[in-house]
Amino acid sequence: MARKSKALEKRSALEQAQDPDNSLFGGTAMSLVQGLLDSGIDGKGPFDSAEKVAREALASEGSVDRAIDKIVSQHTRLAAVEGFVTGLGGFITLPIALPANVAGFYLLATRMSAAIAHLRGYALNEPQIRSAVLLSLVGSDGDELLKKAGVVAPTSAMTNFAAQRLPGPALMVVNKAVGFRLLTQVGKRTLTRFGRAIPLAGGVIGAGLDGFLMRSVAKQARGEFPQSG
């Protein structure tokens, strides 16, 4: 079992997504991705959809650029607050707080990226655009996943990817690969948060880290979703 886990770690996210025998990890990755698509883009309960957030920001700011600035600022603050709150308990609450914080962070990041895409003229109901939103969450790793999937993108990888109208099965493999990559990043983020074992200090560290990571996703989304048409 240990050897199998190490072998999985060495394989790329795309290779793992294409492996029909990798059902356990694949199910977890797809559950994560489906949750991000359903809640992060479409909204669920009190969590507003990306389109609603974009529409309200545009109505209050009057221009696309200022609306995007507002959305990025809002989501960066929300991520920082969540990171602070979940880190306050220190070591005692870490096993429970960290998974909740990671899920909350990626939901916010998905909505922010999707809202930026919507404001730039992309239709969030199109499967290719929804996959492109997911790809923006993994930063430069998105380019690597697309290249390994056979998508050649000389300029903006995600915009080129969205325009290629890949069939459903291909999109599913890409989405699943994103899920694997996010799960890998969760493990890496856990290692960077051992400072949260100290009450209060953990909150400060969590706020700073989550705010920084949210700004990184925003930068990626801004670059990968240029004004459409």
C-alpha atoms as a PDB file:
ATOM      1  CA  MET A   1       0.000   0.000   0.000  1.00  0.00           C
ATOM      2  CA  ALA A   2       2.825   2.376   0.883  1.00  0.00           C
ATOM      3  CA  ARG A   3       4.555   1.656  -2.417  1.00  0.00           C
ATOM      4  CA  LYS A   4       1.309   2.314  -4.299  1.00  0.00           C
ATOM      5  CA  SER A   5       0.847   5.675  -2.574  1.00  0.00           C
ATOM      6  CA  LYS A   6       4.387   6.731  -3.427  1.00  0.00           C
ATOM      7  CA  ALA A   7       3.863   5.678  -7.034  1.00  0.00           C
ATOM      8  CA  LEU A   8       0.700   7.785  -7.238  1.00  0.00           C
ATOM      9  CA  GLU A   9       2.566  10.803  -5.904  1.00  0.00           C
ATOM     10  CA  LYS A  10       5.178  10.503  -8.653  1.00  0.00           C
ATOM     11  CA  ARG A  11       2.591  10.359 -11.440  1.00  0.00           C
ATOM     12  CA  SER A  12       1.134  13.518 -12.912  1.00  0.00           C
ATOM     13  CA  ALA A  13      -2.401  14.585 -12.069  1.00  0.00           C
ATOM     14  CA  LEU A  14      -3.465  13.906 -15.645  1.00  0.00           C
ATOM     15  CA  GLU A  15      -2.009  10.390 -15.584  1.00  0.00           C
ATOM     16  CA  GLN A  16      -3.877   9.656 -12.369  1.00  0.00           C
ATOM     17  CA  ALA A  17      -7.104  11.037 -13.827  1.00  0.00           C
ATOM     18  CA  GLN A  18      -6.764   8.782 -16.877  1.00  0.00           C
ATOM     19  CA  ASP A  19      -6.202   5.659 -14.769  1.00  0.00           C
ATOM     20  CA  PRO A  20      -9.435   3.611 -14.588  1.00  0.00           C
ATOM     21  CA  ASP A  21      -8.082   1.662 -11.608  1.00  0.00           C
ATOM     22  CA  ASN A  22      -7.653   4.784  -9.507  1.00  0.00           C
ATOM     23  CA  SER A  23     -11.291   4.754  -8.427  1.00  0.00           C
ATOM     24  CA  LEU A  24     -10.898   5.760  -4.764  1.00  0.00           C
ATOM     25  CA  PHE A  25      -8.760   8.826  -5.402  1.00  0.00           C
ATOM     26  CA  GLY A  26     -10.728   9.581  -8.570  1.00  0.00           C
ATOM     27  CA  GLY A  27     -14.012   9.633  -6.691  1.00  0.00           C
ATOM     28  CA  THR A  28     -12.628  12.082  -4.135  1.00  0.00           C
ATOM     29  CA  ALA A  29     -11.217  14.328  -6.858  1.00  0.00           C
ATOM     30  CA  MET A  30     -14.479  14.377  -8.809  1.00  0.00           C
ATOM     31  CA  SER A  31     -16.517  15.052  -5.661  1.00  0.00           C
ATOM     32  CA  LEU A  32     -14.324  18.057  -4.949  1.00  0.00           C
ATOM     33  CA  VAL A  33     -14.614  19.329  -8.513  1.00  0.00           C
ATOM     34  CA  GLN A  34     -18.383  18.847  -8.659  1.00  0.00           C
ATOM     35  CA  GLY A  35     -18.801  20.732  -5.403  1.00  0.00           C
ATOM     36  CA  LEU A  36     -16.762  23.639  -6.744  1.00  0.00           C
ATOM     37  CA  LEU A  37     -18.783  23.730  -9.963  1.00  0.00           C
ATOM     38  CA  ASP A  38     -22.165  23.461  -8.249  1.00  0.00           C
ATOM     39  CA  SER A  39     -21.548  25.817  -5.339  1.00  0.00           C
ATOM     40  CA  GLY A  40     -18.583  27.928  -6.375  1.00  0.00           C
ATOM     41  CA  ILE A  41     -19.969  28.887  -9.790  1.00  0.00           C
ATOM     42  CA  ASP A  42     -23.735  28.354  -9.553  1.00  0.00           C
ATOM     43  CA  GLY A  43     -24.145  29.217  -5.885  1.00  0.00           C
ATOM     44  CA  LYS A  44     -25.971  27.248  -3.238  1.00  0.00           C
ATOM     45  CA  GLY A  45     -28.113  28.403  -0.311  1.00  0.00           C
ATOM     46  CA  PRO A  46     -26.672  31.601   1.176  1.00  0.00           C
ATOM     47  CA  PHE A  47     -23.560  31.330  -1.020  1.00  0.00           C
ATOM     48  CA  ASP A  48     -24.300  33.623  -3.981  1.00  0.00           C
ATOM     49  CA  SER A  49     -23.483  32.555  -7.516  1.00  0.00           C
ATOM     50  CA  ALA A  50     -20.533  34.011  -9.406  1.00  0.00           C
ATOM     51  CA  GLU A  51     -22.881  35.676 -11.878  1.00  0.00           C
ATOM     52  CA  LYS A  52     -24.819  37.445  -9.110  1.00  0.00           C
ATOM     53  CA  VAL A  53     -21.607  38.635  -7.461  1.00  0.00           C
ATOM     54  CA  ALA A  54     -20.359  39.932 -10.820  1.00  0.00           C
ATOM     55  CA  ARG A  55     -23.647  41.646 -11.628  1.00  0.00           C
ATOM     56  CA  GLU A  56     -23.831  43.418  -8.270  1.00  0.00           C
ATOM     57  CA  ALA A  57     -20.202  44.552  -8.452  1.00  0.00           C
ATOM     58  CA  LEU A  58     -20.703  45.952 -11.952  1.00  0.00           C
ATOM     59  CA  ALA A  59     -23.867  47.786 -10.879  1.00  0.00           C
ATOM     60  CA  SER A  60     -22.084  49.445  -7.955  1.00  0.00           C
ATOM     61  CA  GLU A  61     -18.771  50.234  -9.682  1.00  0.00           C
ATOM     62  CA  GLY A  62     -19.925  51.110 -13.199  1.00  0.00           C
ATOM     63  CA  SER A  63     -17.039  49.535 -15.115  1.00  0.00           C
ATOM     64  CA  VAL A  64     -15.684  46.041 -15.630  1.00  0.00           C
ATOM     65  CA  ASP A  65     -12.195  46.831 -14.343  1.00  0.00           C
ATOM     66  CA  ARG A  66     -13.436  48.457 -11.140  1.00  0.00           C
ATOM     67  CA  ALA A  67     -15.948  45.650 -10.624  1.00  0.00           C
ATOM     68  CA  ILE A  68     -13.158  43.080 -10.884  1.00  0.00           C
ATOM     69  CA  ASP A  69     -11.034  45.060  -8.426  1.00  0.00           C
ATOM     70  CA  LYS A  70     -13.932  45.069  -5.987  1.00  0.00           C
ATOM     71  CA  ILE A  71     -14.567  41.333  -6.337  1.00  0.00           C
ATOM     72  CA  VAL A  72     -10.890  40.519  -5.805  1.00  0.00           C
ATOM     73  CA  SER A  73     -10.739  42.749  -2.719  1.00  0.00           C
ATOM     74  CA  GLN A  74     -13.917  41.216  -1.281  1.00  0.00           C
ATOM     75  CA  HIS A  75     -12.784  37.645  -1.769  1.00  0.00           C
ATOM     76  CA  THR A  76      -9.279  38.343  -0.491  1.00  0.00           C
ATOM     77  CA  ARG A  77     -10.756  39.792   2.699  1.00  0.00           C
ATOM     78  CA  LEU A  78     -13.152  36.867   3.073  1.00  0.00           C
ATOM     79  CA  ALA A  79     -10.305  34.367   2.636  1.00  0.00           C
ATOM     80  CA  ALA A  80      -8.147  36.227   5.171  1.00  0.00           C
ATOM     81  CA  VAL A  81     -10.966  36.368   7.724  1.00  0.00           C
ATOM     82  CA  GLU A  82     -11.720  32.686   7.279  1.00  0.00           C
ATOM     83  CA  GLY A  83      -8.033  31.837   7.560  1.00  0.00           C
ATOM     84  CA  PHE A  84      -7.771  33.854  10.774  1.00  0.00           C
ATOM     85  CA  VAL A  85     -10.873  32.340  12.381  1.00  0.00           C
ATOM     86  CA  THR A  86     -10.018  28.738  11.547  1.00  0.00           C
ATOM     87  CA  GLY A  87      -6.468  29.226  12.829  1.00  0.00           C
ATOM     88  CA  LEU A  88      -7.411  30.734  16.179  1.00  0.00           C
ATOM     89  CA  GLY A  89      -7.924  27.432  17.976  1.00  0.00           C
ATOM     90  CA  GLY A  90      -4.383  26.267  17.423  1.00  0.00           C
ATOM     91  CA  PHE A  91      -3.415  22.609  17.603  1.00  0.00           C
ATOM     92  CA  ILE A  92      -6.611  21.440  19.345  1.00  0.00           C
ATOM     93  CA  THR A  93      -8.976  22.498  16.550  1.00  0.00           C
ATOM     94  CA  LEU A  94      -6.539  22.070  13.640  1.00  0.00           C
ATOM     95  CA  PRO A  95      -7.774  18.621  12.465  1.00  0.00           C
ATOM     96  CA  ILE A  96     -11.334  19.951  12.114  1.00  0.00           C
ATOM     97  CA  ALA A  97     -10.684  23.562  11.149  1.00  0.00           C
ATOM     98  CA  LEU A  98      -8.141  22.979   8.377  1.00  0.00           C
ATOM     99  CA  PRO A  99     -10.314  20.826   6.069  1.00  0.00           C
ATOM    100  CA  ALA A 100     -13.177  23.308   6.476  1.00  0.00           C
ATOM    101  CA  ASN A 101     -10.846  26.205   5.736  1.00  0.00           C
ATOM    102  CA  VAL A 102      -9.428  24.555   2.612  1.00  0.00           C
ATOM    103  CA  ALA A 103     -12.905  23.783   1.253  1.00  0.00           C
ATOM    104  CA  GLY A 104     -14.040  27.332   1.994  1.00  0.00           C
ATOM    105  CA  PHE A 105     -10.967  28.819   0.353  1.00  0.00           C
ATOM    106  CA  TYR A 106     -11.443  26.929  -2.912  1.00  0.00           C
ATOM    107  CA  LEU A 107     -15.155  27.778  -3.014  1.00  0.00           C
ATOM    108  CA  LEU A 108     -14.304  31.466  -2.686  1.00  0.00           C
ATOM    109  CA  ALA A 109     -11.509  31.180  -5.247  1.00  0.00           C
ATOM    110  CA  THR A 110     -13.793  29.411  -7.725  1.00  0.00           C
ATOM    111  CA  ARG A 111     -16.487  32.058  -7.388  1.00  0.00           C
ATOM    112  CA  MET A 112     -13.993  34.892  -7.737  1.00  0.00           C
ATOM    113  CA  SER A 113     -12.417  33.404 -10.867  1.00  0.00           C
ATOM    114  CA  ALA A 114     -15.823  32.660 -12.388  1.00  0.00           C
ATOM    115  CA  ALA A 115     -17.040  36.185 -11.634  1.00  0.00           C
ATOM    116  CA  ILE A 116     -13.987  37.623 -13.396  1.00  0.00           C
ATOM    117  CA  ALA A 117     -14.660  35.369 -16.399  1.00  0.00           C
ATOM    118  CA  HIS A 118     -18.303  36.473 -16.497  1.00  0.00           C
ATOM    119  CA  LEU A 119     -17.386  40.156 -16.376  1.00  0.00           C
ATOM    120  CA  ARG A 120     -14.921  39.624 -19.210  1.00  0.00           C
ATOM    121  CA  GLY A 121     -17.702  38.206 -21.399  1.00  0.00           C
ATOM    122  CA  TYR A 122     -17.480  34.423 -20.924  1.00  0.00           C
ATOM    123  CA  ALA A 123     -20.626  32.287 -20.513  1.00  0.00           C
ATOM    124  CA  LEU A 124     -20.445  30.356 -17.261  1.00  0.00           C
ATOM    125  CA  ASN A 125     -22.942  27.756 -18.458  1.00  0.00           C
ATOM    126  CA  GLU A 126     -20.523  26.485 -21.104  1.00  0.00           C
ATOM    127  CA  PRO A 127     -18.636  23.339 -19.979  1.00  0.00           C
ATOM    128  CA  GLN A 128     -15.351  24.579 -21.485  1.00  0.00           C
ATOM    129  CA  ILE A 129     -15.518  27.834 -19.523  1.00  0.00           C
ATOM    130  CA  ARG A 130     -16.364  26.011 -16.313  1.00  0.00           C
ATOM    131  CA  SER A 131     -13.319  23.798 -16.811  1.00  0.00           C
ATOM    132  CA  ALA A 132     -11.205  26.872 -17.548  1.00  0.00           C
ATOM    133  CA  VAL A 133     -12.339  28.371 -14.230  1.00  0.00           C
ATOM    134  CA  LEU A 134     -11.178  25.227 -12.451  1.00  0.00           C
ATOM    135  CA  LEU A 135      -7.840  25.394 -14.246  1.00  0.00           C
ATOM    136  CA  SER A 136      -7.283  28.938 -12.969  1.00  0.00           C
ATOM    137  CA  LEU A 137      -7.206  27.536  -9.424  1.00  0.00           C
ATOM    138  CA  VAL A 138      -4.006  25.571 -10.035  1.00  0.00           C
ATOM    139  CA  GLY A 139      -1.988  28.462 -11.481  1.00  0.00           C
ATOM    140  CA  SER A 140       0.822  27.610 -13.871  1.00  0.00           C
ATOM    141  CA  ASP A 141       0.055  23.913 -13.347  1.00  0.00           C
ATOM    142  CA  GLY A 142      -2.974  24.490 -15.596  1.00  0.00           C
ATOM    143  CA  ASP A 143      -0.699  24.988 -18.603  1.00  0.00           C
ATOM    144  CA  GLU A 144       1.086  21.737 -17.805  1.00  0.00           C
ATOM    145  CA  LEU A 145      -2.177  19.799 -17.530  1.00  0.00           C
ATOM    146  CA  LEU A 146      -3.404  21.134 -20.862  1.00  0.00           C
ATOM    147  CA  LYS A 147      -0.138  20.404 -22.646  1.00  0.00           C
ATOM    148  CA  LYS A 148      -0.219  16.822 -21.391  1.00  0.00           C
ATOM    149  CA  ALA A 149      -3.827  16.597 -22.561  1.00  0.00           C
ATOM    150  CA  GLY A 150      -2.677  17.598 -26.047  1.00  0.00           C
ATOM    151  CA  VAL A 151      -3.962  21.184 -26.006  1.00  0.00           C
ATOM    152  CA  VAL A 152      -1.460  23.461 -27.708  1.00  0.00           C
ATOM    153  CA  ALA A 153      -1.808  27.042 -26.529  1.00  0.00           C
ATOM    154  CA  PRO A 154       0.736  29.552 -27.842  1.00  0.00           C
ATOM    155  CA  THR A 155      -0.878  32.466 -25.984  1.00  0.00           C
ATOM    156  CA  SER A 156      -3.409  32.087 -23.185  1.00  0.00           C
ATOM    157  CA  ALA A 157      -3.770  28.415 -22.350  1.00  0.00           C
ATOM    158  CA  MET A 158      -7.239  28.605 -20.844  1.00  0.00           C
ATOM    159  CA  THR A 159      -8.747  30.870 -23.462  1.00  0.00           C
ATOM    160  CA  ASN A 160      -7.369  28.619 -26.205  1.00  0.00           C
ATOM    161  CA  PHE A 161      -8.630  25.592 -24.303  1.00  0.00           C
ATOM    162  CA  ALA A 162     -12.129  27.076 -23.967  1.00  0.00           C
ATOM    163  CA  ALA A 163     -12.268  27.823 -27.687  1.00  0.00           C
ATOM    164  CA  GLN A 164     -11.399  24.273 -28.740  1.00  0.00           C
ATOM    165  CA  ARG A 165     -14.779  22.849 -27.744  1.00  0.00           C
ATOM    166  CA  LEU A 166     -13.361  19.610 -26.404  1.00  0.00           C
ATOM    167  CA  PRO A 167     -15.887  16.777 -26.042  1.00  0.00           C
ATOM    168  CA  GLY A 168     -17.418  15.919 -22.686  1.00  0.00           C
ATOM    169  CA  PRO A 169     -15.175  12.915 -21.881  1.00  0.00           C
ATOM    170  CA  ALA A 170     -12.034  14.995 -22.487  1.00  0.00           C
ATOM    171  CA  LEU A 171     -13.351  17.781 -20.276  1.00  0.00           C
ATOM    172  CA  MET A 172     -14.103  15.267 -17.553  1.00  0.00           C
ATOM    173  CA  VAL A 173     -10.510  14.017 -17.601  1.00  0.00           C
ATOM    174  CA  VAL A 174      -9.191  17.591 -17.373  1.00  0.00           C
ATOM    175  CA  ASN A 175     -11.584  18.406 -14.512  1.00  0.00           C
ATOM    176  CA  LYS A 176     -10.555  15.243 -12.704  1.00  0.00           C
ATOM    177  CA  ALA A 177      -6.891  16.121 -13.169  1.00  0.00           C
ATOM    178  CA  VAL A 178      -7.561  19.526 -11.609  1.00  0.00           C
ATOM    179  CA  GLY A 179      -9.200  17.732  -8.688  1.00  0.00           C
ATOM    180  CA  PHE A 180      -6.088  15.578  -8.190  1.00  0.00           C
ATOM    181  CA  ARG A 181      -3.861  18.647  -8.338  1.00  0.00           C
ATOM    182  CA  LEU A 182      -5.983  20.510  -5.786  1.00  0.00           C
ATOM    183  CA  LEU A 183      -5.879  17.522  -3.435  1.00  0.00           C
ATOM    184  CA  THR A 184      -2.082  17.502  -3.773  1.00  0.00           C
ATOM    185  CA  GLN A 185      -1.973  21.219  -3.006  1.00  0.00           C
ATOM    186  CA  VAL A 186      -4.097  20.631   0.093  1.00  0.00           C
ATOM    187  CA  GLY A 187      -1.352  18.381   1.449  1.00  0.00           C
ATOM    188  CA  LYS A 188       1.325  20.970   0.718  1.00  0.00           C
ATOM    189  CA  ARG A 189      -0.716  23.749   2.301  1.00  0.00           C
ATOM    190  CA  THR A 190      -1.160  21.633   5.416  1.00  0.00           C
ATOM    191  CA  LEU A 191       2.601  21.412   5.843  1.00  0.00           C
ATOM    192  CA  THR A 192       2.942  25.206   5.598  1.00  0.00           C
ATOM    193  CA  ARG A 193       0.402  25.768   8.361  1.00  0.00           C
ATOM    194  CA  PHE A 194       2.077  24.160  11.339  1.00  0.00           C
ATOM    195  CA  GLY A 195       2.323  27.651  12.799  1.00  0.00           C
ATOM    196  CA  ARG A 196      -1.401  27.325  13.388  1.00  0.00           C
ATOM    197  CA  ALA A 197      -0.628  24.947  16.204  1.00  0.00           C
ATOM    198  CA  ILE A 198      -0.124  28.075  18.310  1.00  0.00           C
ATOM    199  CA  PRO A 199      -3.402  29.829  19.187  1.00  0.00           C
ATOM    200  CA  LEU A 200      -3.711  33.415  17.887  1.00  0.00           C
ATOM    201  CA  ALA A 201      -0.403  33.167  15.997  1.00  0.00           C
ATOM    202  CA  GLY A 202      -2.041  30.466  13.907  1.00  0.00           C
ATOM    203  CA  GLY A 203      -4.859  32.867  13.089  1.00  0.00           C
ATOM    204  CA  VAL A 204      -2.451  35.555  11.906  1.00  0.00           C
ATOM    205  CA  ILE A 205      -0.513  33.073   9.776  1.00  0.00           C
ATOM    206  CA  GLY A 206      -3.711  31.644   8.319  1.00  0.00           C
ATOM    207  CA  ALA A 207      -5.055  35.091   7.417  1.00  0.00           C
ATOM    208  CA  GLY A 208      -1.838  36.149   5.707  1.00  0.00           C
ATOM    209  CA  LEU A 209      -1.401  32.910   3.782  1.00  0.00           C
ATOM    210  CA  ASP A 210      -4.985  32.687   2.558  1.00  0.00           C
ATOM    211  CA  GLY A 211      -5.034  36.337   1.529  1.00  0.00           C
ATOM    212  CA  PHE A 212      -1.821  35.875  -0.434  1.00  0.00           C
ATOM    213  CA  LEU A 213      -3.075  32.711  -2.153  1.00  0.00           C
ATOM    214  CA  MET A 214      -6.364  34.354  -3.098  1.00  0.00           C
ATOM    215  CA  ARG A 215      -4.511  37.250  -4.727  1.00  0.00           C
ATOM    216  CA  SER A 216      -2.435  34.703  -6.653  1.00  0.00           C
ATOM    217  CA  VAL A 217      -5.582  33.046  -8.012  1.00  0.00           C
ATOM    218  CA  ALA A 218      -6.955  36.488  -8.920  1.00  0.00           C
ATOM    219  CA  LYS A 219      -3.808  37.334 -10.854  1.00  0.00           C
ATOM    220  CA  GLN A 220      -4.067  34.053 -12.746  1.00  0.00           C
ATOM    221  CA  ALA A 221      -7.740  34.584 -13.574  1.00  0.00           C
ATOM    222  CA  ARG A 222      -7.171  38.152 -14.767  1.00  0.00           C
ATOM    223  CA  GLY A 223      -4.483  36.965 -17.150  1.00  0.00           C
ATOM    224  CA  GLU A 224      -6.291  33.898 -18.413  1.00  0.00           C
ATOM    225  CA  PHE A 225      -9.662  35.530 -19.093  1.00  0.00           C
ATOM    226  CA  PRO A 226      -8.983  38.566 -21.320  1.00  0.00           C
ATOM    227  CA  GLN A 227     -11.912  40.624 -22.529  1.00  0.00           C
ATOM    228  CA  SER A 228     -13.969  38.436 -24.853  1.00  0.00           C
ATOM    229  CA  GLY A 229     -15.000  39.558 -28.315  1.00  0.00           C
END
